[in-house]
PDB file of N, CA and C in Angstrom:
ATOM      1  N   MET A   1       1.031  -0.947  -0.161  1.00  0.00           N
ATOM      2  CA  MET A   1       0.056   0.115  -0.245  1.00  0.00           C
ATOM      3  C   MET A   1       0.719   0.858  -0.236  1.00  0.00           C
ATOM      4  N   ALA A   2       2.354   1.428   0.522  1.00  0.00           N
ATOM      5  CA  ALA A   2       3.232   2.361   0.800  1.00  0.00           C
ATOM      6  C   ALA A   2       3.062   2.674  -0.765  1.00  0.00           C
ATOM      7  N   LEU A   3       3.636   1.717  -1.844  1.00  0.00           N
ATOM      8  CA  LEU A   3       4.229   2.590  -2.680  1.00  0.00           C
ATOM      9  C   LEU A   3       3.370   2.828  -3.499  1.00  0.00           C
ATOM     10  N   LEU A   4       1.438   2.664  -3.639  1.00  0.00           N
ATOM     11  CA  LEU A   4       0.255   2.966  -3.905  1.00  0.00           C
ATOM     12  C   LEU A   4       0.652   4.668  -3.634  1.00  0.00           C
ATOM     13  N   GLN A   5       0.604   4.562  -2.675  1.00  0.00           N
ATOM     14  CA  GLN A   5       0.534   5.710  -1.752  1.00  0.00           C
ATOM     15  C   GLN A   5       2.039   6.802  -2.449  1.00  0.00           C
ATOM     16  N   ILE A   6       3.124   6.205  -2.411  1.00  0.00           N
ATOM     17  CA  ILE A   6       4.228   6.952  -2.766  1.00  0.00           C
ATOM     18  C   ILE A   6       3.632   7.958  -3.666  1.00  0.00           C
ATOM     19  N   LEU A   7       4.605   6.244  -4.845  1.00  0.00           N
ATOM     20  CA  LEU A   7       3.600   6.344  -5.661  1.00  0.00           C
ATOM     21  C   LEU A   7       2.550   7.786  -6.741  1.00  0.00           C
ATOM     22  N   SER A   8       1.675   7.618  -5.630  1.00  0.00           N
ATOM     23  CA  SER A   8       0.498   8.491  -6.231  1.00  0.00           C
ATOM     24  C   SER A   8       1.072   9.495  -5.648  1.00  0.00           C
ATOM     25  N   ALA A   9       1.641  10.641  -4.454  1.00  0.00           N
ATOM     26  CA  ALA A   9       1.672  11.591  -4.296  1.00  0.00           C
ATOM     27  C   ALA A   9       2.674  11.835  -5.637  1.00  0.00           C
ATOM     28  N   ARG A  10       3.705  11.302  -6.140  1.00  0.00           N
ATOM     29  CA  ARG A  10       4.347  11.572  -6.201  1.00  0.00           C
ATOM     30  C   ARG A  10       4.154  12.343  -7.710  1.00  0.00           C
ATOM     31  N   LEU A  11       2.761  11.187  -8.687  1.00  0.00           N
ATOM     32  CA  LEU A  11       2.697  12.018 -10.317  1.00  0.00           C
ATOM     33  C   LEU A  11       1.334  13.438  -9.936  1.00  0.00           C
ATOM     34  N   SER A  12       1.177  13.600  -8.164  1.00  0.00           N
ATOM     35  CA  SER A  12       0.369  14.357  -7.347  1.00  0.00           C
ATOM     36  C   SER A  12       0.938  14.982  -7.513  1.00  0.00           C
ATOM     37  N   GLN A  13       2.683  15.811  -7.731  1.00  0.00           N
ATOM     38  CA  GLN A  13       3.625  16.742  -7.647  1.00  0.00           C
ATOM     39  C   GLN A  13       3.289  17.477  -6.568  1.00  0.00           C
ATOM     40  N   VAL A  14       2.584  16.255  -4.695  1.00  0.00           N
ATOM     41  CA  VAL A  14       2.822  16.426  -3.528  1.00  0.00           C
ATOM     42  C   VAL A  14       4.250  16.848  -2.432  1.00  0.00           C
ATOM     43  N   ASN A  15       4.489  17.086  -2.449  1.00  0.00           N
ATOM     44  CA  ASN A  15       5.437  17.723  -1.962  1.00  0.00           C
ATOM     45  C   ASN A  15       6.196  17.365  -0.519  1.00  0.00           C
ATOM     46  N   CYS A  16       5.173  16.751   0.468  1.00  0.00           N
ATOM     47  CA  CYS A  16       4.979  16.228   1.815  1.00  0.00           C
ATOM     48  C   CYS A  16       4.574  14.788   2.341  1.00  0.00           C
ATOM     49  N   LEU A  17       4.453  13.741   2.411  1.00  0.00           N
ATOM     50  CA  LEU A  17       3.797  13.140   2.432  1.00  0.00           C
ATOM     51  C   LEU A  17       4.457  11.903   3.927  1.00  0.00           C
ATOM     52  N   VAL A  18       3.405  12.359   5.185  1.00  0.00           N
ATOM     53  CA  VAL A  18       3.664  11.956   6.167  1.00  0.00           C
ATOM     54  C   VAL A  18       3.382  10.051   6.388  1.00  0.00           C
ATOM     55  N   PHE A  19       3.614   9.271   6.804  1.00  0.00           N
ATOM     56  CA  PHE A  19       2.955   7.851   7.548  1.00  0.00           C
ATOM     57  C   PHE A  19       3.846   8.042   9.055  1.00  0.00           C
ATOM     58  N   HIS A  20       2.607   6.776   9.466  1.00  0.00           N
ATOM     59  CA  HIS A  20       2.945   7.306  10.946  1.00  0.00           C
ATOM     60  C   HIS A  20       3.248   5.432  11.287  1.00  0.00           C
ATOM     61  N   ARG A  21       4.683   4.926  11.269  1.00  0.00           N
ATOM     62  CA  ARG A  21       4.599   3.333  11.110  1.00  0.00           C
ATOM     63  C   ARG A  21       4.546   2.824  12.679  1.00  0.00           C
ATOM     64  N   SER A  22       4.765   1.798  13.641  1.00  0.00           N
ATOM     65  CA  SER A  22       3.807   1.265  14.049  1.00  0.00           C
ATOM     66  C   SER A  22       5.406   0.285  14.673  1.00  0.00           C
ATOM     67  N   ASP A  23       5.884  -0.615  13.844  1.00  0.00           N
ATOM     68  CA  ASP A  23       7.029  -0.459  13.996  1.00  0.00           C
ATOM     69  C   ASP A  23       7.917  -0.843  13.400  1.00  0.00           C
ATOM     70  N   ALA A  24       9.414  -1.826  13.772  1.00  0.00           N
ATOM     71  CA  ALA A  24      10.510  -1.443  12.609  1.00  0.00           C
ATOM     72  C   ALA A  24      10.106  -2.184  11.197  1.00  0.00           C
ATOM     73  N   ILE A  25       9.293  -3.476  11.455  1.00  0.00           N
ATOM     74  CA  ILE A  25       8.408  -3.927   9.814  1.00  0.00           C
ATOM     75  C   ILE A  25       8.167  -2.604   9.738  1.00  0.00           C
ATOM     76  N   GLY A  26       6.839  -1.838   9.696  1.00  0.00           N
ATOM     77  CA  GLY A  26       6.527  -1.291   9.091  1.00  0.00           C
ATOM     78  C   GLY A  26       7.515   0.218   8.364  1.00  0.00           C
ATOM     79  N   SER A  27       8.761   0.473   9.227  1.00  0.00           N
ATOM     80  CA  SER A  27       9.614   1.081   9.163  1.00  0.00           C
ATOM     81  C   SER A  27      10.532   0.636   7.405  1.00  0.00           C
ATOM     82  N   GLU A  28      11.070  -1.016   7.677  1.00  0.00           N
ATOM     83  CA  GLU A  28      11.445  -1.399   6.723  1.00  0.00           C
ATOM     84  C   GLU A  28      10.260  -1.839   5.141  1.00  0.00           C
ATOM     85  N   ASN A  29       9.257  -1.877   5.949  1.00  0.00           N
ATOM     86  CA  ASN A  29       8.171  -1.750   4.544  1.00  0.00           C
ATOM     87  C   ASN A  29       8.135  -0.437   3.578  1.00  0.00           C
ATOM     88  N   LEU A  30       8.550   0.232   4.324  1.00  0.00           N
ATOM     89  CA  LEU A  30       8.087   1.712   3.961  1.00  0.00           C
ATOM     90  C   LEU A  30       9.530   2.388   3.417  1.00  0.00           C
ATOM     91  N   ALA A  31      10.250   1.687   3.366  1.00  0.00           N
ATOM     92  CA  ALA A  31      11.732   1.601   2.753  1.00  0.00           C
ATOM     93  C   ALA A  31      11.754   1.518   1.715  1.00  0.00           C
ATOM     94  N   THR A  32      11.793  -0.076   1.697  1.00  0.00           N
ATOM     95  CA  THR A  32      11.414  -1.218   0.054  1.00  0.00           C
ATOM     96  C   THR A  32      10.310  -0.440  -0.753  1.00  0.00           C
ATOM     97  N   ALA A  33       9.551  -0.014  -0.834  1.00  0.00           N
ATOM     98  CA  ALA A  33       8.418   0.845  -0.952  1.00  0.00           C
ATOM     99  C   ALA A  33       9.002   2.244  -1.365  1.00  0.00           C
ATOM    100  N   GLN A  34       9.273   2.697  -0.812  1.00  0.00           N
ATOM    101  CA  GLN A  34      10.693   4.178  -1.620  1.00  0.00           C
ATOM    102  C   GLN A  34      11.574   3.341  -2.399  1.00  0.00           C
ATOM    103  N   GLN A  35      12.105   2.481  -2.604  1.00  0.00           N
ATOM    104  CA  GLN A  35      13.515   1.931  -3.219  1.00  0.00           C
ATOM    105  C   GLN A  35      12.775   1.522  -4.786  1.00  0.00           C
ATOM    106  N   ILE A  36      11.832   1.201  -4.378  1.00  0.00           N
ATOM    107  CA  ILE A  36      10.756   0.642  -5.720  1.00  0.00           C
ATOM    108  C   ILE A  36      10.404   1.437  -6.010  1.00  0.00           C
ATOM    109  N   VAL A  37       9.933   2.273  -6.026  1.00  0.00           N
ATOM    110  CA  VAL A  37       9.239   3.762  -6.638  1.00  0.00           C
ATOM    111  C   VAL A  37      10.686   3.771  -7.409  1.00  0.00           C
ATOM    112  N   ASP A  38      11.597   5.030  -6.543  1.00  0.00           N
ATOM    113  CA  ASP A  38      13.200   5.398  -7.231  1.00  0.00           C
ATOM    114  C   ASP A  38      13.834   4.225  -8.195  1.00  0.00           C
ATOM    115  N   ARG A  39      13.911   3.540  -7.815  1.00  0.00           N
ATOM    116  CA  ARG A  39      14.224   2.436  -8.852  1.00  0.00           C
ATOM    117  C   ARG A  39      13.969   2.101  -9.675  1.00  0.00           C
ATOM    118  N   ASP A  40      12.631   1.543  -9.414  1.00  0.00           N
ATOM    119  CA  ASP A  40      12.095   0.336 -10.522  1.00  0.00           C
ATOM    120  C   ASP A  40      11.177   1.109 -11.671  1.00  0.00           C
ATOM    121  N   LEU A  41      10.314   1.911 -11.049  1.00  0.00           N
ATOM    122  CA  LEU A  41       9.402   2.585 -11.312  1.00  0.00           C
ATOM    123  C   LEU A  41       9.282   3.914 -11.595  1.00  0.00           C
ATOM    124  N   VAL A  42       9.917   4.486 -11.138  1.00  0.00           N
ATOM    125  CA  VAL A  42      10.020   6.850 -11.302  1.00  0.00           C
ATOM    126  C   VAL A  42      11.925   6.609 -11.610  1.00  0.00           C
ATOM    127  N   PRO A  43      12.400   5.923 -12.900  1.00  0.00           N
ATOM    128  CA  PRO A  43      13.920   6.046 -11.774  1.00  0.00           C
ATOM    129  C   PRO A  43      13.889   7.698 -12.024  1.00  0.00           C
ATOM    130  N   ASP A  44      14.922   8.497 -11.685  1.00  0.00           N
ATOM    131  CA  ASP A  44      15.433   9.722 -12.170  1.00  0.00           C
ATOM    132  C   ASP A  44      14.493  11.122 -12.419  1.00  0.00           C
ATOM    133  N   ASN A  45      12.809  10.224 -11.813  1.00  0.00           N
ATOM    134  CA  ASN A  45      11.848  11.622 -11.927  1.00  0.00           C
ATOM    135  C   ASN A  45      11.844  11.516 -13.425  1.00  0.00           C
ATOM    136  N   SER A  46      11.366  10.380 -14.268  1.00  0.00           N
ATOM    137  CA  SER A  46      11.926  10.768 -15.681  1.00  0.00           C
ATOM    138  C   SER A  46       9.609  10.370 -15.530  1.00  0.00           C
ATOM    139  N   PRO A  47      10.035  11.013 -16.862  1.00  0.00           N
ATOM    140  CA  PRO A  47       8.383  10.994 -17.484  1.00  0.00           C
ATOM    141  C   PRO A  47       7.759   9.816 -17.877  1.00  0.00           C
ATOM    142  N   VAL A  48       6.733   9.291 -17.268  1.00  0.00           N
ATOM    143  CA  VAL A  48       6.272   7.848 -17.448  1.00  0.00           C
ATOM    144  C   VAL A  48       4.427   7.751 -17.952  1.00  0.00           C
ATOM    145  N   LYS A  49       4.522   7.017 -18.566  1.00  0.00           N
ATOM    146  CA  LYS A  49       2.410   6.843 -18.597  1.00  0.00           C
ATOM    147  C   LYS A  49       2.517   5.892 -17.002  1.00  0.00           C
ATOM    148  N   VAL A  50       1.173   6.194 -17.109  1.00  0.00           N
ATOM    149  CA  VAL A  50       0.736   5.536 -15.254  1.00  0.00           C
ATOM    150  C   VAL A  50      -0.103   4.256 -16.413  1.00  0.00           C
ATOM    151  N   SER A  51      -0.386   3.786 -17.646  1.00  0.00           N
ATOM    152  CA  SER A  51      -0.519   2.391 -17.807  1.00  0.00           C
ATOM    153  C   SER A  51       0.868   2.336 -17.684  1.00  0.00           C
ATOM    154  N   ALA A  52       1.655   3.021 -17.836  1.00  0.00           N
ATOM    155  CA  ALA A  52       3.267   1.461 -18.276  1.00  0.00           C
ATOM    156  C   ALA A  52       3.380   1.401 -16.417  1.00  0.00           C
ATOM    157  N   LEU A  53       3.415   2.051 -15.712  1.00  0.00           N
ATOM    158  CA  LEU A  53       3.266   2.264 -14.083  1.00  0.00           C
ATOM    159  C   LEU A  53       2.404   0.584 -13.678  1.00  0.00           C
ATOM    160  N   VAL A  54       1.260   0.961 -14.109  1.00  0.00           N
ATOM    161  CA  VAL A  54       0.015  -0.442 -13.894  1.00  0.00           C
ATOM    162  C   VAL A  54       0.552  -1.366 -14.888  1.00  0.00           C
ATOM    163  N   GLU A  55       1.034  -1.437 -15.492  1.00  0.00           N
ATOM    164  CA  GLU A  55       1.637  -2.915 -15.929  1.00  0.00           C
ATOM    165  C   GLU A  55       3.157  -3.037 -14.957  1.00  0.00           C
ATOM    166  N   LYS A  56       3.933  -2.463 -14.761  1.00  0.00           N
ATOM    167  CA  LYS A  56       5.301  -2.543 -13.900  1.00  0.00           C
ATOM    168  C   LYS A  56       4.409  -3.196 -12.678  1.00  0.00           C
ATOM    169  N   ILE A  57       3.998  -2.500 -12.004  1.00  0.00           N
ATOM    170  CA  ILE A  57       3.484  -3.263 -10.570  1.00  0.00           C
ATOM    171  C   ILE A  57       2.992  -4.645 -10.931  1.00  0.00           C
ATOM    172  N   HIS A  58       1.872  -4.773 -12.314  1.00  0.00           N
ATOM    173  CA  HIS A  58       0.850  -6.388 -11.735  1.00  0.00           C
ATOM    174  C   HIS A  58       2.196  -6.862 -11.684  1.00  0.00           C
ATOM    175  N   ALA A  59       3.204  -6.394 -12.347  1.00  0.00           N
ATOM    176  CA  ALA A  59       4.346  -7.908 -13.337  1.00  0.00           C
ATOM    177  C   ALA A  59       4.854  -7.753 -11.940  1.00  0.00           C
ATOM    178  N   MET A  60       4.558  -7.235 -10.716  1.00  0.00           N
ATOM    179  CA  MET A  60       5.453  -7.572  -9.784  1.00  0.00           C
ATOM    180  C   MET A  60       5.390  -8.808  -8.809  1.00  0.00           C
ATOM    181  N   GLU A  61       4.008  -9.068  -9.522  1.00  0.00           N
ATOM    182  CA  GLU A  61       2.964 -10.065  -8.362  1.00  0.00           C
ATOM    183  C   GLU A  61       2.811  -9.703  -6.951  1.00  0.00           C
ATOM    184  N   PHE A  62       2.541  -8.669  -6.188  1.00  0.00           N
ATOM    185  CA  PHE A  62       2.623  -8.812  -5.191  1.00  0.00           C
ATOM    186  C   PHE A  62       1.512  -9.533  -4.457  1.00  0.00           C
ATOM    187  N   PRO A  63       1.756  -9.963  -2.884  1.00  0.00           N
ATOM    188  CA  PRO A  63       0.135 -10.442  -2.535  1.00  0.00           C
ATOM    189  C   PRO A  63      -0.785  -9.398  -2.310  1.00  0.00           C
ATOM    190  N   TRP A  64      -1.890  -9.089  -3.110  1.00  0.00           N
ATOM    191  CA  TRP A  64      -3.290  -8.428  -1.907  1.00  0.00           C
ATOM    192  C   TRP A  64      -3.677  -8.997  -1.123  1.00  0.00           C
ATOM    193  N   GLY A  65      -4.639  -8.412  -0.166  1.00  0.00           N
ATOM    194  CA  GLY A  65      -4.917  -9.151   1.650  1.00  0.00           C
ATOM    195  C   GLY A  65      -5.701  -8.975   0.832  1.00  0.00           C
ATOM    196  N   PHE A  66      -7.155  -8.390   2.287  1.00  0.00           N
ATOM    197  CA  PHE A  66      -8.467  -7.937   1.630  1.00  0.00           C
ATOM    198  C   PHE A  66      -8.027  -7.173   3.497  1.00  0.00           C
ATOM    199  N   SER A  67      -9.025  -5.873   2.384  1.00  0.00           N
ATOM    200  CA  SER A  67      -9.393  -4.976   3.827  1.00  0.00           C
ATOM    201  C   SER A  67     -10.047  -5.261   5.519  1.00  0.00           C
ATOM    202  N   ASP A  68      -9.498  -4.565   7.016  1.00  0.00           N
ATOM    203  CA  ASP A  68      -9.619  -4.641   7.399  1.00  0.00           C
ATOM    204  C   ASP A  68     -11.219  -3.664   8.063  1.00  0.00           C
ATOM    205  N   GLY A  69     -11.638  -2.662   6.787  1.00  0.00           N
ATOM    206  CA  GLY A  69     -12.353  -1.785   6.884  1.00  0.00           C
ATOM    207  C   GLY A  69     -12.200  -0.761   7.497  1.00  0.00           C
ATOM    208  N   ASN A  70     -10.571  -0.194   7.771  1.00  0.00           N
ATOM    209  CA  ASN A  70     -10.217   0.894   8.369  1.00  0.00           C
ATOM    210  C   ASN A  70      -9.492   2.013   7.289  1.00  0.00           C
TER     211      ASN A  70
END
């Protein structure tokens, strides 16, 4: 989820994004998401088509869970 939030903020040109992490695992997951966005999805903030981003994210085969309703 953090990956999609970071990516959405970047595409929207949001300059500040705040994440509240409750533990070390959350911090690690956030760092991993940031690395994926920077390295694999939008390197050097280069222009990219949203359809290409969707294809790249889909190809990563992330396991999607179910909402807990919050």
